[in-house]
Protein backbone atom coordinates (compact mmCIF):
# COMPACT_ATOMS: atom_id res chain seq x y z
CA MET A 1 -28.95 -10.57 89.92
CA GLY A 2 -25.35 -10.22 88.89
CA GLY A 3 -25.42 -13.59 87.14
CA THR A 4 -28.36 -12.55 84.98
CA VAL A 5 -26.61 -9.40 83.81
CA ALA A 6 -23.53 -11.41 82.96
CA ARG A 7 -25.53 -13.91 80.91
CA VAL A 8 -27.29 -11.08 78.99
CA ALA A 9 -23.96 -9.42 78.29
CA ARG A 10 -22.47 -12.65 76.96
CA THR A 11 -25.51 -13.20 74.76
CA TRP A 12 -25.18 -9.78 73.17
CA LEU A 13 -21.51 -10.31 72.58
CA VAL A 14 -22.26 -13.52 70.72
CA VAL A 15 -24.96 -11.82 68.64
CA LEU A 16 -22.67 -8.93 67.76
CA GLY A 17 -19.89 -11.33 66.81
CA VAL A 18 -22.16 -13.31 64.50
CA ALA A 19 -23.45 -10.09 62.90
CA ALA A 20 -19.94 -8.79 62.37
CA GLY A 21 -18.84 -12.05 60.78
CA ALA A 22 -21.85 -12.10 58.51
CA SER A 23 -21.15 -8.54 57.40
CA LEU A 24 -17.64 -9.54 56.42
CA LEU A 25 -18.74 -12.61 54.48
CA LEU A 26 -21.63 -11.07 52.55
CA PRO A 27 -19.55 -8.77 50.24
CA ALA A 28 -17.30 -11.67 49.34
CA ALA A 29 -20.01 -13.55 47.46
CA PRO A 30 -20.67 -10.91 44.79
CA ALA A 31 -16.93 -10.30 44.42
CA ALA A 32 -16.29 -13.96 43.72
CA ALA A 33 -19.08 -13.95 41.14
CA HIS A 34 -17.60 -10.95 39.28
CA ASN A 35 -14.87 -12.14 36.89
CA SER A 36 -11.70 -10.17 36.08
CA LEU A 37 -8.34 -10.51 34.33
CA THR A 38 -5.52 -11.74 36.56
CA GLY A 39 -2.65 -11.95 34.07
CA SER A 40 -1.58 -12.32 30.45
CA ASP A 41 1.23 -13.48 28.25
CA PRO A 42 2.62 -11.18 26.88
CA GLN A 43 2.18 -8.86 29.81
CA ASN A 44 0.46 -5.54 29.38
CA GLY A 45 2.97 -2.92 28.17
CA ALA A 46 5.61 -5.48 27.12
CA ARG A 47 8.07 -4.82 24.27
CA LEU A 48 8.96 -7.94 22.28
CA ALA A 49 11.67 -8.49 19.69
CA ALA A 50 10.27 -11.93 18.79
CA ALA A 51 6.58 -12.48 18.15
CA PRO A 52 4.83 -15.05 20.40
CA LYS A 53 2.97 -17.93 18.80
CA ARG A 54 -0.07 -17.45 21.05
CA ILE A 55 -1.57 -14.79 23.31
CA GLU A 56 -2.86 -16.06 26.65
CA LEU A 57 -5.32 -14.38 29.02
CA ARG A 58 -5.87 -15.58 32.60
CA PHE A 59 -9.07 -14.80 34.52
CA LEU A 60 -10.26 -14.99 38.12
CA ALA A 61 -13.14 -17.32 37.21
CA THR A 62 -13.57 -19.80 34.39
CA PRO A 63 -14.80 -17.92 31.29
CA LYS A 64 -17.62 -19.34 29.22
CA GLU A 65 -16.96 -19.99 25.55
CA ALA A 66 -20.40 -18.79 24.49
CA THR A 67 -19.98 -15.34 26.07
CA THR A 68 -16.23 -14.76 25.60
CA LYS A 69 -14.83 -12.75 22.70
CA VAL A 70 -11.15 -11.93 22.07
CA THR A 71 -9.78 -9.80 19.22
CA VAL A 72 -6.20 -8.87 18.29
CA THR A 73 -5.34 -5.89 16.06
CA GLY A 74 -1.98 -4.53 14.96
CA PRO A 75 -0.73 -1.35 13.28
CA ASP A 76 -3.27 0.34 10.98
CA ASN A 77 -5.99 -1.69 12.75
CA VAL A 78 -5.04 -4.88 10.87
CA ALA A 79 -6.40 -8.10 12.39
CA ALA A 80 -3.64 -10.23 13.92
CA ALA A 81 -5.54 -13.19 15.38
CA GLY A 82 -4.57 -16.42 13.63
CA GLY A 83 -7.70 -18.35 14.62
CA ALA A 84 -10.49 -18.82 17.16
CA PRO A 85 -9.68 -18.72 20.89
CA THR A 86 -9.23 -21.95 22.82
CA PHE A 87 -10.26 -22.47 26.47
CA ALA A 88 -8.46 -24.38 29.23
CA GLY A 89 -9.90 -23.78 32.68
CA LYS A 90 -9.45 -20.13 33.55
CA ARG A 91 -7.15 -19.50 30.57
CA VAL A 92 -8.03 -18.33 27.07
CA SER A 93 -5.45 -18.57 24.24
CA VAL A 94 -5.54 -16.98 20.78
CA PRO A 95 -3.13 -17.85 17.91
CA PHE A 96 -1.05 -14.79 17.04
CA GLN A 97 -0.37 -13.81 13.43
CA PRO A 98 2.24 -11.04 13.52
CA GLY A 99 2.44 -8.30 10.91
CA ALA A 100 4.35 -5.04 10.84
CA ALA A 101 6.31 -3.79 13.82
CA GLY A 102 4.31 -1.57 16.13
CA LEU A 103 1.59 -1.57 18.78
CA TYR A 104 -0.75 -4.57 19.15
CA ILE A 105 -3.99 -4.40 21.14
CA VAL A 106 -5.76 -7.45 22.60
CA THR A 107 -9.36 -6.73 23.62
CA TYR A 108 -11.55 -9.15 25.56
CA GLN A 109 -15.20 -9.26 26.53
CA LEU A 110 -16.97 -11.89 28.66
CA ALA A 111 -19.90 -12.28 31.05
CA SER A 112 -19.52 -12.87 34.80
CA ASP A 113 -21.65 -15.26 36.84
CA ASP A 114 -23.41 -12.26 38.37
CA GLY A 115 -24.49 -11.11 34.89
CA HIS A 116 -22.16 -8.12 34.67
CA PRO A 117 -20.12 -7.88 31.43
CA VAL A 118 -16.36 -7.65 31.77
CA LYS A 119 -14.39 -5.70 29.16
CA GLY A 120 -10.73 -4.76 28.94
CA GLU A 121 -7.58 -4.81 26.86
CA ILE A 122 -3.84 -5.38 27.05
CA ARG A 123 -1.23 -3.75 24.83
CA PHE A 124 2.23 -4.82 23.76
CA THR A 125 4.73 -3.60 21.18
CA LEU A 126 6.42 -5.76 18.56
CA THR A 127 9.77 -4.18 17.69
CA THR A 128 10.49 -6.36 14.65
CA GLY A 129 7.82 -7.08 12.06
CA THR A 130 7.52 -9.62 9.29
CA PRO A 131 9.39 -8.63 6.10
CA ALA A 132 7.24 -7.39 3.25
CA GLU A 133 6.94 -9.58 0.17
CA PRO A 134 8.99 -8.26 -2.76
CA PRO A 135 6.81 -7.02 -5.62
CA SER A 136 6.82 -9.13 -8.77
CA ALA A 137 8.66 -7.76 -11.78
CA SER A 138 5.58 -8.00 -14.02
CA ALA A 139 3.40 -6.06 -11.58
CA ALA A 140 5.98 -3.42 -10.63
CA PRO A 141 4.41 0.02 -11.18
CA GLY A 142 6.21 2.43 -13.48
CA SER A 143 8.40 -0.24 -15.10
CA ALA A 144 9.26 0.76 -18.64
CA THR A 145 8.74 -1.83 -21.37
CA PRO A 146 11.49 -1.70 -24.00
CA THR A 147 10.12 -0.75 -27.37
CA THR A 148 11.52 -1.60 -30.81
CA ALA A 149 13.13 1.11 -32.81
CA PRO A 150 10.91 2.67 -35.54
CA ALA A 151 11.48 1.62 -39.11
CA SER A 152 12.89 5.02 -39.97
CA THR A 153 15.78 4.50 -37.52
CA ALA A 154 16.68 0.98 -38.71
CA ALA A 155 20.12 0.21 -40.07
CA GLY A 156 20.72 1.84 -43.43
CA SER A 157 18.01 4.47 -42.91
CA PRO A 158 18.64 8.05 -41.80
CA SER A 159 18.06 8.55 -38.11
CA ALA A 160 15.45 10.94 -36.78
CA GLY A 161 18.14 13.30 -35.54
CA SER A 162 20.21 13.45 -38.81
CA PRO A 163 19.46 16.36 -41.18
CA SER A 164 17.57 15.51 -44.35
CA PRO A 165 18.94 16.50 -47.78
CA ALA A 166 18.20 20.12 -48.58
CA SER A 167 15.56 20.64 -51.23
CA PRO A 168 16.43 22.99 -54.06
CA SER A 169 15.51 26.59 -53.43
CA PRO A 170 13.06 28.34 -55.78
CA ALA A 171 15.89 30.43 -57.22
CA ALA A 172 17.93 27.36 -58.09
CA ALA A 173 14.87 25.72 -59.67
CA GLY A 174 14.28 28.79 -61.84
CA ASP A 175 17.88 28.83 -63.16
CA ASP A 176 17.68 25.19 -64.17
CA ASP A 177 15.91 25.60 -67.63
CA GLY A 178 17.18 22.39 -69.16
CA GLY A 179 20.27 24.00 -70.88
CA THR A 180 18.25 26.03 -73.45
CA GLY A 181 18.93 29.50 -72.11
CA TRP A 182 21.77 30.12 -74.61
CA LEU A 183 19.38 29.69 -77.57
CA TRP A 184 17.70 32.99 -76.77
CA THR A 185 21.06 34.73 -77.18
CA VAL A 186 22.33 32.90 -80.31
CA ALA A 187 19.03 32.69 -82.25
CA PRO A 188 18.85 36.41 -83.24
CA VAL A 189 22.44 36.28 -84.53
CA VAL A 190 21.70 33.18 -86.61
CA VAL A 191 18.51 34.68 -88.08
CA LEU A 192 20.31 37.89 -88.93
CA GLY A 193 23.10 35.95 -90.62
CA LEU A 194 20.62 33.96 -92.69
CA LEU A 195 18.93 37.14 -93.84
CA VAL A 196 22.27 38.64 -94.93
CA VAL A 197 23.26 35.51 -96.81
CA GLY A 198 19.84 35.37 -98.52
CA ALA A 199 20.10 38.97 -99.59
CA LEU A 200 23.57 38.42 -101.11
CA VAL A 201 22.37 35.36 -103.02
CA LEU A 202 19.42 37.23 -104.50
CA ARG A 203 21.67 40.13 -105.48
CA ARG A 204 24.09 37.88 -107.33
CA ARG A 205 21.30 36.18 -109.25
CA ALA A 206 19.90 39.57 -110.28
CA THR A 207 23.36 40.68 -111.47
CA ARG A 208 23.84 37.60 -113.66
CA ARG A 209 20.64 38.26 -115.54
């Protein structure tokens, strides 16, 4: 009787052990099927004085090219990806085209083997940006174009700021009567003299008769 109880007890122990092991193994299958980011270069939160040539993302499972999308944006939401991503096993690389200094955000989206989408991002700061191109002289706004001097300010001509010769005033124009003003004073005297002389001549002729 005691041997039977011992055999039953051992059987249940084996069953419980198998069940416990199965319970531990079952959650591992979905976890392995669900992809996730395991690392990146640059690392999330990094501050860089020199811009990297490429940005690399490393995943738990091999990402599929058809369902993987990676974007890179810099300050003012300017695109900073220099080309399409390339795949090598569990790694995805994107050419980096740096712009102004500031915060850069790398976003990724891919599908796991279990059908669940995986989304995320990493951020890093570029402390030195690319220098801005100097503006061309012809396109510089507000540049003044030298103008030629007006004809009135040419050599030998009076400048715009010099006073012009004063025109004669009305009073001066009225006094200038061509030099004949003295005739109105002398003419009466001459006429009177002629009358006196004529009268004397007539008187002498009458006396002689």
